[in-house]
């Protein structure tokens, strides 16, 4: 609502390095956004791309098991994604904008 966020990469997010960019509302230029260290779970020498992305996922999953906290993405995230995809498909078929349902 207050700007634009974009995840940029050379391939699918699980296969290549992702670079977040953003711009505040009214700005014409996207700028790189640094990922805060608290969201980086891998060692510094982990190779970029697929090994890093999969490693991040497994590290977050392992942490959730160790501290007995919920892990993201979860089943609700998957349901939301599939509802979004279904709405995009229906919007395309109907030729008009549709509201994406929430859980």
Protein backbone atom coordinates (compact mmCIF):
# COMPACT_ATOMS: atom_id res chain seq x y z
CA UNK A 1 0.00 0.00 0.00
CA UNK A 2 2.92 2.31 0.60
CA UNK A 3 5.16 1.26 -2.25
CA UNK A 4 6.45 -1.63 -4.33
CA UNK A 5 8.38 -4.76 -3.35
CA UNK A 6 9.99 -6.99 -5.97
CA UNK A 7 11.94 -10.25 -5.67
CA UNK A 8 14.46 -10.31 -8.53
CA UNK A 9 16.43 -13.31 -9.72
CA UNK A 10 17.71 -15.06 -12.81
CA UNK A 11 15.48 -18.11 -12.31
CA UNK A 12 12.85 -19.49 -9.95
CA UNK A 13 13.42 -18.41 -6.34
CA UNK A 14 14.36 -21.93 -5.25
CA UNK A 15 16.95 -22.24 -8.03
CA UNK A 16 18.78 -18.92 -7.99
CA UNK A 17 19.81 -16.09 -5.73
CA UNK A 18 16.96 -13.67 -4.96
CA UNK A 19 17.55 -9.95 -4.60
CA UNK A 20 14.74 -7.98 -2.94
CA UNK A 21 14.15 -4.46 -4.24
CA UNK A 22 11.67 -1.80 -3.26
CA UNK A 23 10.44 1.73 -3.80
CA UNK A 24 8.22 3.94 -1.68
CA UNK A 25 4.95 5.12 -3.22
CA UNK A 26 5.62 7.80 -5.82
CA UNK A 27 9.25 6.78 -6.43
CA UNK A 28 10.20 5.66 -9.92
CA UNK A 29 13.34 3.71 -9.08
CA UNK A 30 13.61 0.37 -7.30
CA UNK A 31 16.50 0.12 -4.86
CA UNK A 32 18.19 -2.98 -3.47
CA UNK A 33 17.02 -3.99 0.01
CA UNK A 34 19.48 -5.67 2.34
CA UNK A 35 18.14 -8.74 4.14
CA UNK A 36 18.55 -8.27 7.91
CA UNK A 37 20.95 -10.76 9.51
CA UNK A 38 18.17 -12.17 11.72
CA UNK A 39 16.62 -13.71 8.55
CA UNK A 40 19.85 -15.38 7.37
CA UNK A 41 20.30 -18.84 8.86
CA UNK A 42 23.17 -20.17 6.76
CA UNK A 43 26.92 -20.02 7.23
CA UNK A 44 28.74 -17.34 5.24
CA UNK A 45 30.51 -19.88 3.02
CA UNK A 46 27.32 -21.63 1.84
CA UNK A 47 27.22 -21.58 -2.00
CA UNK A 48 24.64 -19.23 -3.53
CA UNK A 49 21.64 -20.45 -5.49
CA UNK A 50 19.87 -23.74 -4.93
CA UNK A 51 22.10 -25.05 -2.07
CA UNK A 52 21.70 -21.80 -0.14
CA UNK A 53 17.94 -21.51 -0.63
CA UNK A 54 17.29 -25.14 0.31
CA UNK A 55 19.70 -24.82 3.24
CA UNK A 56 17.82 -21.75 4.50
CA UNK A 57 14.58 -23.72 4.38
CA UNK A 58 16.01 -26.73 6.24
CA UNK A 59 17.73 -24.52 8.81
CA UNK A 60 14.44 -22.72 9.57
CA UNK A 61 12.62 -26.06 9.75
CA UNK A 62 15.24 -27.49 12.13
CA UNK A 63 15.08 -24.41 14.36
CA UNK A 64 11.28 -24.67 14.53
CA UNK A 65 11.59 -28.30 15.67
CA UNK A 66 14.26 -27.48 18.27
CA UNK A 67 12.38 -24.58 19.85
CA UNK A 68 8.92 -26.07 19.23
CA UNK A 69 7.61 -23.06 17.33
CA UNK A 70 5.56 -22.90 14.14
CA UNK A 71 7.50 -22.88 10.87
CA UNK A 72 6.73 -20.87 7.77
CA UNK A 73 5.60 -21.63 5.18
CA UNK A 74 2.93 -23.87 6.64
CA UNK A 75 -0.24 -25.54 5.36
CA UNK A 76 -2.19 -22.28 5.60
CA UNK A 77 0.45 -20.61 3.42
CA UNK A 78 0.01 -23.35 0.80
CA UNK A 79 -3.78 -22.96 0.87
CA UNK A 80 -3.43 -19.18 0.43
CA UNK A 81 -1.05 -19.65 -2.50
CA UNK A 82 -3.39 -22.07 -4.26
CA UNK A 83 -6.38 -19.76 -3.70
CA UNK A 84 -4.31 -16.95 -5.21
CA UNK A 85 -3.38 -19.07 -8.24
CA UNK A 86 -7.01 -20.15 -8.71
CA UNK A 87 -8.14 -16.52 -8.55
CA UNK A 88 -5.52 -15.41 -11.11
CA UNK A 89 -6.63 -18.21 -13.43
CA UNK A 90 -10.34 -17.33 -13.02
CA UNK A 91 -9.60 -13.63 -13.53
CA UNK A 92 -7.81 -14.44 -16.78
CA UNK A 93 -10.61 -16.69 -17.99
CA UNK A 94 -13.33 -14.16 -17.09
CA UNK A 95 -11.38 -11.16 -18.33
CA UNK A 96 -11.91 -9.06 -15.21
CA UNK A 97 -10.36 -8.30 -11.83
CA UNK A 98 -11.25 -10.55 -8.91
CA UNK A 99 -10.62 -10.23 -5.17
CA UNK A 100 -8.22 -12.83 -3.81
CA UNK A 101 -9.90 -14.69 -0.93
CA UNK A 102 -8.14 -14.90 2.42
CA UNK A 103 -8.13 -17.75 4.91
